[in-house]
Amino acid sequence: MTGDNVPVGFQTAHMKVDMKTECDMSTPHLNALIDAAERSCVILQTLSAPPTVEIERSLGDFGKLGTF
């Protein structure tokens, strides 16, 4: 399927993380650790609140390549 009406990119994203610990950390402490990891995850934060994207094009005079 091609054309101007076909969306490009992700429409949704879902992530599931299964954790196993080798210590006796309490559930509130584990949740605090997960919350801190989510807050500091650059990819998650960028996907959750996408930045403004600017595209700048610079087209050189490629026709002169190889001309001395």
Foldseek 3Di string as FASTA:
>chain_A
DDDPPDDDDDPDDDDDDDDDDPDDDDPVVVVVVVVVCCVPDPVNVCVVPPDDDDDDDDDDPVVCPPPD
